[in-house]
């Protein structure tokens, strides 16, 4: 109720406490708070997004067969997996993918529900929700 940031400078942040108070605060950040983020772990190799796309159709799925259309930054090995809502892998397929193409999927063994289709290759990963409704 009335608090406001008054001014930010490289050395300090100033603000009013608010709530019918006349208190004026100054916060001086330490070097550890202002250190740049490290590029370790997941951030070490950024994913290329550009013209890369993944789309699955038909969605919702009724007949048991679907087509996954993809566009990748470069050709190479790819992995396709389907997971149920509990996170269990119900299908997995490894393939050699071109820069773009279509993968035909036989999903007749899936029962009604919501699934997550994950498609990944070097430098690219995508996931799509798939609804099976018969």
Protein backbone atom coordinates (compact mmCIF):
# COMPACT_ATOMS: atom_id res chain seq x y z
CA UNK A 1 0.00 0.00 0.00
CA UNK A 2 2.11 2.88 -1.24
CA UNK A 3 5.50 1.19 -1.62
CA UNK A 4 7.48 2.36 -4.63
CA UNK A 5 10.84 1.93 -6.25
CA UNK A 6 12.35 5.38 -6.32
CA UNK A 7 15.53 4.99 -8.36
CA UNK A 8 17.97 2.36 -9.54
CA UNK A 9 21.65 3.07 -9.96
CA UNK A 10 24.53 0.69 -10.63
CA UNK A 11 25.58 0.96 -6.98
CA UNK A 12 22.24 0.95 -5.14
CA UNK A 13 18.44 0.64 -5.35
CA UNK A 14 16.32 3.21 -3.51
CA UNK A 15 12.69 2.84 -2.49
CA UNK A 16 9.88 3.95 -0.20
CA UNK A 17 8.56 1.41 2.31
CA UNK A 18 4.93 2.51 1.95
CA UNK A 19 1.93 1.76 4.19
CA UNK A 20 1.68 5.38 5.41
CA UNK A 21 5.33 5.32 6.44
CA UNK A 22 7.97 7.90 5.59
CA UNK A 23 10.77 5.31 5.59
CA UNK A 24 13.19 5.53 2.68
CA UNK A 25 15.34 2.47 2.03
CA UNK A 26 18.60 1.90 0.21
CA UNK A 27 19.78 -1.54 -0.91
CA UNK A 28 23.39 -2.04 -1.99
CA UNK A 29 23.82 -5.31 -3.91
CA UNK A 30 26.97 -7.33 -3.35
CA UNK A 31 29.19 -8.61 -6.15
CA UNK A 32 27.74 -12.13 -5.83
CA UNK A 33 24.24 -10.89 -6.58
CA UNK A 34 25.40 -9.04 -9.67
CA UNK A 35 27.64 -11.81 -11.07
CA UNK A 36 26.70 -13.02 -14.56
CA UNK A 37 25.01 -16.41 -14.89
CA UNK A 38 27.31 -19.35 -15.54
CA UNK A 39 27.00 -21.32 -18.77
CA UNK A 40 27.04 -24.79 -17.20
CA UNK A 41 24.77 -27.81 -17.56
CA UNK A 42 21.67 -27.34 -19.68
CA UNK A 43 22.65 -23.80 -20.67
CA UNK A 44 25.99 -24.98 -22.10
CA UNK A 45 24.64 -25.73 -25.59
CA UNK A 46 21.66 -23.62 -26.63
CA UNK A 47 18.99 -25.18 -28.80
CA UNK A 48 18.65 -23.88 -32.35
CA UNK A 49 15.08 -22.80 -32.99
CA UNK A 50 15.10 -20.83 -36.28
CA UNK A 51 12.93 -22.62 -38.85
CA UNK A 52 12.78 -25.83 -36.78
CA UNK A 53 9.26 -27.17 -36.29
CA UNK A 54 7.41 -30.28 -35.19
CA UNK A 55 3.69 -30.86 -35.76
CA UNK A 56 1.60 -33.98 -35.26
CA UNK A 57 -1.69 -34.58 -37.05
CA UNK A 58 -4.47 -35.44 -36.76
CA UNK A 59 -4.84 -34.18 -33.23
CA UNK A 60 -7.08 -35.36 -31.56
CA UNK A 61 -6.25 -38.81 -32.88
CA UNK A 62 -9.22 -41.08 -33.67
CA UNK A 63 -8.10 -43.69 -36.23
CA UNK A 64 -4.86 -44.87 -34.61
CA UNK A 65 -2.44 -43.54 -37.23
CA UNK A 66 -0.73 -40.15 -37.06
CA UNK A 67 1.89 -38.23 -39.03
CA UNK A 68 4.68 -36.26 -37.38
CA UNK A 69 6.03 -33.54 -39.67
CA UNK A 70 9.39 -32.04 -38.74
CA UNK A 71 11.93 -29.48 -39.88
CA UNK A 72 15.42 -29.64 -38.33
CA UNK A 73 18.58 -27.49 -38.39
CA UNK A 74 20.54 -30.41 -39.89
CA UNK A 75 20.10 -34.06 -40.84
CA UNK A 76 21.16 -36.80 -38.47
CA UNK A 77 19.95 -39.27 -35.86
CA UNK A 78 16.72 -38.41 -34.08
CA UNK A 79 14.70 -39.89 -31.25
CA UNK A 80 10.92 -39.99 -31.00
CA UNK A 81 9.12 -41.04 -27.82
CA UNK A 82 5.54 -41.03 -26.57
CA UNK A 83 4.80 -40.66 -22.85
CA UNK A 84 1.53 -41.10 -20.95
CA UNK A 85 0.29 -38.69 -18.26
CA UNK A 86 2.19 -40.63 -15.58
CA UNK A 87 5.44 -39.94 -17.47
CA UNK A 88 5.91 -43.56 -18.54
CA UNK A 89 7.38 -44.13 -21.97
CA UNK A 90 4.81 -46.08 -24.01
CA UNK A 91 6.67 -45.93 -27.33
CA UNK A 92 10.18 -45.09 -28.49
CA UNK A 93 11.71 -44.95 -31.94
CA UNK A 94 15.17 -43.99 -33.18
CA UNK A 95 15.48 -42.85 -36.77
CA UNK A 96 17.80 -41.19 -39.22
CA UNK A 97 16.12 -37.89 -40.04
CA UNK A 98 16.68 -35.61 -42.98
CA UNK A 99 16.40 -31.84 -42.64
CA UNK A 100 12.65 -32.19 -43.02
CA UNK A 101 10.26 -35.05 -43.41
CA UNK A 102 7.29 -37.03 -42.14
CA UNK A 103 7.28 -39.95 -39.69
CA UNK A 104 4.19 -42.17 -39.83
CA UNK A 105 3.15 -43.44 -36.41
CA UNK A 106 1.07 -46.51 -35.60
CA UNK A 107 -0.59 -45.58 -32.31
CA UNK A 108 -3.45 -48.09 -32.34
CA UNK A 109 -2.23 -49.61 -29.06
CA UNK A 110 -2.79 -46.35 -27.13
CA UNK A 111 -5.94 -46.01 -25.06
CA UNK A 112 -7.96 -42.81 -24.81
CA UNK A 113 -6.15 -40.02 -23.02
CA UNK A 114 -3.51 -37.31 -23.28
CA UNK A 115 0.07 -38.14 -24.31
CA UNK A 116 3.27 -36.18 -24.77
CA UNK A 117 5.18 -36.77 -28.01
CA UNK A 118 8.87 -35.82 -27.74
CA UNK A 119 11.08 -35.42 -30.80
CA UNK A 120 14.77 -34.58 -30.48
CA UNK A 121 17.92 -34.50 -32.56
CA UNK A 122 21.30 -32.84 -32.18
CA UNK A 123 20.70 -29.20 -31.27
CA UNK A 124 16.89 -29.45 -31.28
CA UNK A 125 14.15 -30.78 -29.01
CA UNK A 126 10.41 -30.35 -29.12
CA UNK A 127 7.37 -31.83 -27.45
CA UNK A 128 3.74 -31.83 -28.53
CA UNK A 129 0.59 -32.80 -26.68
CA UNK A 130 -1.43 -35.54 -28.39
CA UNK A 131 -5.03 -36.35 -27.49
CA UNK A 132 -6.27 -39.89 -28.30
CA UNK A 133 -10.06 -39.89 -28.56
CA UNK A 134 -11.89 -42.83 -30.11
